[in-house]
Amino acid sequence: MKKVIICQNCQSENKLTAYSCTNCHKSLAGIEPTSIIDPVIKNDTSSWLEETQEEEQKSTTTTSTKEIFTPKLEIILNSGIKFEIDSGILLGRSSASIKFLEEVRNKLYISRKHAWLGLINDKYYLIDLASKHGTFLNNKRIEPNKHEQIITNRLAEVCLGESYSFQIQCSTEEV
């Protein structure tokens, strides 16, 4: 069994760290995680296995010269710790990321749910979640609830409040 968040809009499965649905991009705030049976351990694995094999066969028979790139985002904390995020991360004193939480837990000028940094339509965005002391991207204050796109292949500075900052690097890699 695995835990996921099921989107109430489109019923798609999302990682526990997702802020918005990876399918329809609706907010997942307030939705409780659900335990589901992983398809690999279902009683009827034969139909699942057949579907998987068919998909693999289609993908190998279809040849395409088009290169596919997927974005990735790395966070570089002041302590020197670096980590990548997949779909998104809540930035604040109630962050699910232990690495991030250790750095900000005693900083009262950072809201519990200060900002969100994540992937929407294959692009990374920073969103201030109406925090009291604001969120800054490269020394520019972000308007609350506005999506501020992270520019690919550039190092950027994010500041929560006016004094806790860290760096982010958005890049693309070939799939």
C-alpha atoms as a PDB file:
ATOM      1  CA  MET A   1       0.000   0.000   0.000  1.00  0.00           C
ATOM      2  CA  LYS A   2       1.101   3.555  -0.652  1.00  0.00           C
ATOM      3  CA  LYS A   3      -0.265   6.941   0.383  1.00  0.00           C
ATOM      4  CA  VAL A   4      -1.234   9.520  -2.210  1.00  0.00           C
ATOM      5  CA  ILE A   5      -3.455  12.558  -2.475  1.00  0.00           C
ATOM      6  CA  ILE A   6      -6.429  12.021  -4.791  1.00  0.00           C
ATOM      7  CA  CYS A   7      -7.494  15.179  -6.648  1.00  0.00           C
ATOM      8  CA  GLN A   8     -11.164  15.912  -5.973  1.00  0.00           C
ATOM      9  CA  ASN A   9     -11.500  17.519  -9.404  1.00  0.00           C
ATOM     10  CA  CYS A  10     -10.062  14.882 -11.760  1.00  0.00           C
ATOM     11  CA  GLN A  11      -9.482  11.904  -9.402  1.00  0.00           C
ATOM     12  CA  SER A  12      -5.808  11.572 -10.367  1.00  0.00           C
ATOM     13  CA  GLU A  13      -3.164  10.362  -7.905  1.00  0.00           C
ATOM     14  CA  ASN A  14      -0.595  12.872  -6.652  1.00  0.00           C
ATOM     15  CA  LYS A  15       2.495  12.614  -4.448  1.00  0.00           C
ATOM     16  CA  LEU A  16       2.096  13.564  -0.790  1.00  0.00           C
ATOM     17  CA  THR A  17       4.350  16.596  -1.370  1.00  0.00           C
ATOM     18  CA  ALA A  18       2.236  17.955  -4.245  1.00  0.00           C
ATOM     19  CA  TYR A  19       0.652  21.367  -3.740  1.00  0.00           C
ATOM     20  CA  SER A  20      -1.402  21.217  -6.921  1.00  0.00           C
ATOM     21  CA  CYS A  21      -2.678  18.350  -9.056  1.00  0.00           C
ATOM     22  CA  THR A  22      -0.165  17.201 -11.658  1.00  0.00           C
ATOM     23  CA  ASN A  23      -3.045  16.539 -14.079  1.00  0.00           C
ATOM     24  CA  CYS A  24      -5.516  19.436 -13.761  1.00  0.00           C
ATOM     25  CA  HIS A  25      -3.378  21.816 -11.596  1.00  0.00           C
ATOM     26  CA  LYS A  26      -6.150  22.411  -9.035  1.00  0.00           C
ATOM     27  CA  SER A  27      -5.040  23.069  -5.454  1.00  0.00           C
ATOM     28  CA  LEU A  28      -4.703  20.015  -3.210  1.00  0.00           C
ATOM     29  CA  ALA A  29      -4.777  22.061  -0.012  1.00  0.00           C
ATOM     30  CA  GLY A  30      -6.780  20.443   2.774  1.00  0.00           C
ATOM     31  CA  ILE A  31      -7.164  17.055   1.044  1.00  0.00           C
ATOM     32  CA  GLU A  32      -6.249  14.156   3.331  1.00  0.00           C
ATOM     33  CA  PRO A  33      -3.869  11.459   2.005  1.00  0.00           C
ATOM     34  CA  THR A  34      -5.446   8.178   0.905  1.00  0.00           C
ATOM     35  CA  SER A  35      -3.961   4.684   1.127  1.00  0.00           C
ATOM     36  CA  ILE A  36      -4.127   2.781  -2.131  1.00  0.00           C
ATOM     37  CA  ILE A  37      -2.954  -0.611  -3.295  1.00  0.00           C
ATOM     38  CA  ASP A  38       0.044  -0.392  -5.565  1.00  0.00           C
ATOM     39  CA  PRO A  39      -0.823  -1.941  -8.961  1.00  0.00           C
ATOM     40  CA  VAL A  40       2.150  -4.277  -8.673  1.00  0.00           C
ATOM     41  CA  ILE A  41       0.651  -6.071  -5.666  1.00  0.00           C
ATOM     42  CA  LYS A  42      -2.996  -6.217  -6.743  1.00  0.00           C
ATOM     43  CA  ASN A  43      -4.579  -9.666  -6.881  1.00  0.00           C
ATOM     44  CA  ASP A  44      -5.252  -9.263 -10.606  1.00  0.00           C
ATOM     45  CA  THR A  45      -1.745  -8.413 -11.776  1.00  0.00           C
ATOM     46  CA  SER A  46      -2.140 -10.078 -15.166  1.00  0.00           C
ATOM     47  CA  SER A  47      -4.291  -7.294 -16.674  1.00  0.00           C
ATOM     48  CA  TRP A  48      -2.031  -4.612 -15.210  1.00  0.00           C
ATOM     49  CA  LEU A  49       1.041  -6.427 -16.560  1.00  0.00           C
ATOM     50  CA  GLU A  50      -0.522  -6.743 -20.022  1.00  0.00           C
ATOM     51  CA  GLU A  51      -1.369  -3.016 -20.100  1.00  0.00           C
ATOM     52  CA  THR A  52       2.171  -2.112 -19.038  1.00  0.00           C
ATOM     53  CA  GLN A  53       3.714  -4.359 -21.679  1.00  0.00           C
ATOM     54  CA  GLU A  54       1.444  -2.878 -24.375  1.00  0.00           C
ATOM     55  CA  GLU A  55       2.459   0.664 -23.367  1.00  0.00           C
ATOM     56  CA  GLU A  56       6.151  -0.269 -23.440  1.00  0.00           C
ATOM     57  CA  GLN A  57       5.745  -1.884 -26.844  1.00  0.00           C
ATOM     58  CA  LYS A  58       4.005   1.229 -28.229  1.00  0.00           C
ATOM     59  CA  SER A  59       6.706   3.507 -26.871  1.00  0.00           C
ATOM     60  CA  THR A  60       9.538   1.419 -28.334  1.00  0.00           C
ATOM     61  CA  THR A  61       7.906   1.049 -31.763  1.00  0.00           C
ATOM     62  CA  THR A  62       7.227   4.767 -32.051  1.00  0.00           C
ATOM     63  CA  THR A  63      10.426   6.486 -33.065  1.00  0.00           C
ATOM     64  CA  SER A  64      10.666  10.179 -32.665  1.00  0.00           C
ATOM     65  CA  THR A  65      13.514  12.553 -33.309  1.00  0.00           C
ATOM     66  CA  LYS A  66      11.991  15.153 -31.011  1.00  0.00           C
ATOM     67  CA  GLU A  67      14.044  15.624 -27.858  1.00  0.00           C
ATOM     68  CA  ILE A  68      12.091  15.663 -24.628  1.00  0.00           C
ATOM     69  CA  PHE A  69      13.331  17.773 -21.733  1.00  0.00           C
ATOM     70  CA  THR A  70      12.091  17.683 -18.182  1.00  0.00           C
ATOM     71  CA  PRO A  71      12.696  20.524 -15.745  1.00  0.00           C
ATOM     72  CA  LYS A  72      14.375  19.971 -12.405  1.00  0.00           C
ATOM     73  CA  LEU A  73      14.791  22.322  -9.478  1.00  0.00           C
ATOM     74  CA  GLU A  74      17.536  22.278  -6.889  1.00  0.00           C
ATOM     75  CA  ILE A  75      17.338  24.151  -3.589  1.00  0.00           C
ATOM     76  CA  ILE A  76      20.606  25.286  -2.008  1.00  0.00           C
ATOM     77  CA  LEU A  77      20.169  26.170   1.668  1.00  0.00           C
ATOM     78  CA  ASN A  78      22.448  28.513   3.627  1.00  0.00           C
ATOM     79  CA  SER A  79      23.910  25.525   5.491  1.00  0.00           C
ATOM     80  CA  GLY A  80      25.183  24.200   2.149  1.00  0.00           C
ATOM     81  CA  ILE A  81      22.612  21.408   1.960  1.00  0.00           C
ATOM     82  CA  LYS A  82      21.334  20.842  -1.585  1.00  0.00           C
ATOM     83  CA  PHE A  83      18.250  18.883  -2.586  1.00  0.00           C
ATOM     84  CA  GLU A  84      16.012  18.524  -5.620  1.00  0.00           C
ATOM     85  CA  ILE A  85      12.245  18.806  -5.591  1.00  0.00           C
ATOM     86  CA  ASP A  86       9.853  16.970  -7.882  1.00  0.00           C
ATOM     87  CA  SER A  87       6.414  18.477  -8.143  1.00  0.00           C
ATOM     88  CA  GLY A  88       6.509  21.054  -5.351  1.00  0.00           C
ATOM     89  CA  ILE A  89       7.411  22.032  -1.804  1.00  0.00           C
ATOM     90  CA  LEU A  90       5.663  24.100   0.838  1.00  0.00           C
ATOM     91  CA  LEU A  91       8.070  26.699   2.207  1.00  0.00           C
ATOM     92  CA  GLY A  92       7.481  27.680   5.800  1.00  0.00           C
ATOM     93  CA  ARG A  93       7.640  26.563   9.414  1.00  0.00           C
ATOM     94  CA  SER A  94       5.227  23.668   8.717  1.00  0.00           C
ATOM     95  CA  SER A  95       7.138  22.410   5.678  1.00  0.00           C
ATOM     96  CA  ALA A  96       7.019  18.665   5.007  1.00  0.00           C
ATOM     97  CA  SER A  97      10.676  18.818   3.991  1.00  0.00           C
ATOM     98  CA  ILE A  98      12.820  17.986   7.019  1.00  0.00           C
ATOM     99  CA  LYS A  99      15.875  19.582   5.375  1.00  0.00           C
ATOM    100  CA  PHE A 100      14.035  22.860   4.913  1.00  0.00           C
ATOM    101  CA  LEU A 101      12.204  22.719   8.257  1.00  0.00           C
ATOM    102  CA  GLU A 102      15.437  22.400  10.246  1.00  0.00           C
ATOM    103  CA  GLU A 103      16.610  25.731   8.836  1.00  0.00           C
ATOM    104  CA  VAL A 104      13.448  27.785   9.470  1.00  0.00           C
ATOM    105  CA  ARG A 105      11.568  26.298  12.424  1.00  0.00           C
ATOM    106  CA  ASN A 106      12.593  29.041  14.917  1.00  0.00           C
ATOM    107  CA  LYS A 107      12.273  31.983  12.543  1.00  0.00           C
ATOM    108  CA  LEU A 108       9.011  33.619  13.614  1.00  0.00           C
ATOM    109  CA  TYR A 109       8.945  36.066  10.700  1.00  0.00           C
ATOM    110  CA  ILE A 110       8.412  33.070   8.412  1.00  0.00           C
ATOM    111  CA  SER A 111       4.776  31.944   8.235  1.00  0.00           C
ATOM    112  CA  ARG A 112       3.838  28.303   8.738  1.00  0.00           C
ATOM    113  CA  LYS A 113       2.675  28.232   5.111  1.00  0.00           C
ATOM    114  CA  HIS A 114       4.756  31.058   3.703  1.00  0.00           C
ATOM    115  CA  ALA A 115       5.222  30.196   0.030  1.00  0.00           C
ATOM    116  CA  TRP A 116       5.062  27.344  -2.453  1.00  0.00           C
ATOM    117  CA  LEU A 117       7.711  26.414  -4.982  1.00  0.00           C
ATOM    118  CA  GLY A 118       6.783  23.873  -7.609  1.00  0.00           C
ATOM    119  CA  LEU A 119       6.044  22.579 -11.062  1.00  0.00           C
ATOM    120  CA  ILE A 120       3.016  23.711 -13.087  1.00  0.00           C
ATOM    121  CA  ASN A 121       2.769  22.800 -16.796  1.00  0.00           C
ATOM    122  CA  ASP A 122       6.474  21.849 -17.000  1.00  0.00           C
ATOM    123  CA  LYS A 123       7.639  25.172 -15.536  1.00  0.00           C
ATOM    124  CA  TYR A 124       8.660  26.011 -11.969  1.00  0.00           C
ATOM    125  CA  TYR A 125       6.890  28.808 -10.128  1.00  0.00           C
ATOM    126  CA  LEU A 126       7.218  30.542  -6.770  1.00  0.00           C
ATOM    127  CA  ILE A 127       3.954  31.594  -5.114  1.00  0.00           C
ATOM    128  CA  ASP A 128       3.651  33.722  -1.981  1.00  0.00           C
ATOM    129  CA  LEU A 129       0.794  32.277   0.098  1.00  0.00           C
ATOM    130  CA  ALA A 130      -0.296  35.674   1.469  1.00  0.00           C
ATOM    131  CA  SER A 131       2.481  35.623   4.065  1.00  0.00           C
ATOM    132  CA  LYS A 132       2.723  38.488   6.542  1.00  0.00           C
ATOM    133  CA  HIS A 133       6.354  39.417   5.789  1.00  0.00           C
ATOM    134  CA  GLY A 134       6.380  38.641   2.062  1.00  0.00           C
ATOM    135  CA  THR A 135       8.350  36.496  -0.351  1.00  0.00           C
ATOM    136  CA  PHE A 136      11.087  37.885  -2.584  1.00  0.00           C
ATOM    137  CA  LEU A 137      12.576  36.503  -5.787  1.00  0.00           C
ATOM    138  CA  ASN A 138      15.886  38.140  -6.724  1.00  0.00           C
ATOM    139  CA  ASN A 139      15.158  41.058  -4.329  1.00  0.00           C
ATOM    140  CA  LYS A 140      11.740  41.717  -5.907  1.00  0.00           C
ATOM    141  CA  ARG A 141       8.680  41.219  -3.702  1.00  0.00           C
ATOM    142  CA  ILE A 142       6.131  38.782  -5.145  1.00  0.00           C
ATOM    143  CA  GLU A 143       2.488  39.740  -4.981  1.00  0.00           C
ATOM    144  CA  PRO A 144       0.465  37.366  -2.765  1.00  0.00           C
ATOM    145  CA  ASN A 145      -0.979  34.361  -4.643  1.00  0.00           C
ATOM    146  CA  LYS A 146       0.679  35.414  -7.915  1.00  0.00           C
ATOM    147  CA  HIS A 147       2.664  32.814  -9.877  1.00  0.00           C
ATOM    148  CA  GLU A 148       6.228  34.045 -10.431  1.00  0.00           C
ATOM    149  CA  GLN A 149       8.043  31.870 -13.002  1.00  0.00           C
ATOM    150  CA  ILE A 150      11.562  30.681 -12.200  1.00  0.00           C
ATOM    151  CA  ILE A 151      13.867  31.294 -15.171  1.00  0.00           C
ATOM    152  CA  THR A 152      15.610  28.148 -16.403  1.00  0.00           C
ATOM    153  CA  ASN A 153      19.407  27.826 -16.208  1.00  0.00           C
ATOM    154  CA  ARG A 154      19.852  30.771 -13.860  1.00  0.00           C
ATOM    155  CA  LEU A 155      20.710  30.837 -10.192  1.00  0.00           C
ATOM    156  CA  ALA A 156      18.008  32.735  -8.288  1.00  0.00           C
ATOM    157  CA  GLU A 157      17.702  33.958  -4.718  1.00  0.00           C
ATOM    158  CA  VAL A 158      14.520  33.424  -2.715  1.00  0.00           C
ATOM    159  CA  CYS A 159      13.990  35.372   0.479  1.00  0.00           C
ATOM    160  CA  LEU A 160      11.244  34.592   3.002  1.00  0.00           C
ATOM    161  CA  GLY A 161      10.454  37.627   5.070  1.00  0.00           C
ATOM    162  CA  GLU A 162      13.265  40.093   4.771  1.00  0.00           C
ATOM    163  CA  SER A 163      16.117  38.084   6.198  1.00  0.00           C
ATOM    164  CA  TYR A 164      16.031  34.327   5.437  1.00  0.00           C
ATOM    165  CA  SER A 165      17.281  33.613   1.958  1.00  0.00           C
ATOM    166  CA  PHE A 166      18.427  30.606  -0.037  1.00  0.00           C
ATOM    167  CA  GLN A 167      19.243  29.880  -3.656  1.00  0.00           C
ATOM    168  CA  ILE A 168      17.446  27.849  -6.296  1.00  0.00           C
ATOM    169  CA  GLN A 169      18.640  26.549  -9.646  1.00  0.00           C
ATOM    170  CA  CYS A 170      16.156  25.500 -12.316  1.00  0.00           C
ATOM    171  CA  SER A 171      17.520  23.481 -15.205  1.00  0.00           C
ATOM    172  CA  THR A 172      16.327  21.007 -17.808  1.00  0.00           C
ATOM    173  CA  GLU A 173      17.588  17.547 -18.535  1.00  0.00           C
ATOM    174  CA  GLU A 174      17.011  15.369 -21.559  1.00  0.00           C
ATOM    175  CA  VAL A 175      14.698  12.395 -21.066  1.00  0.00           C
END
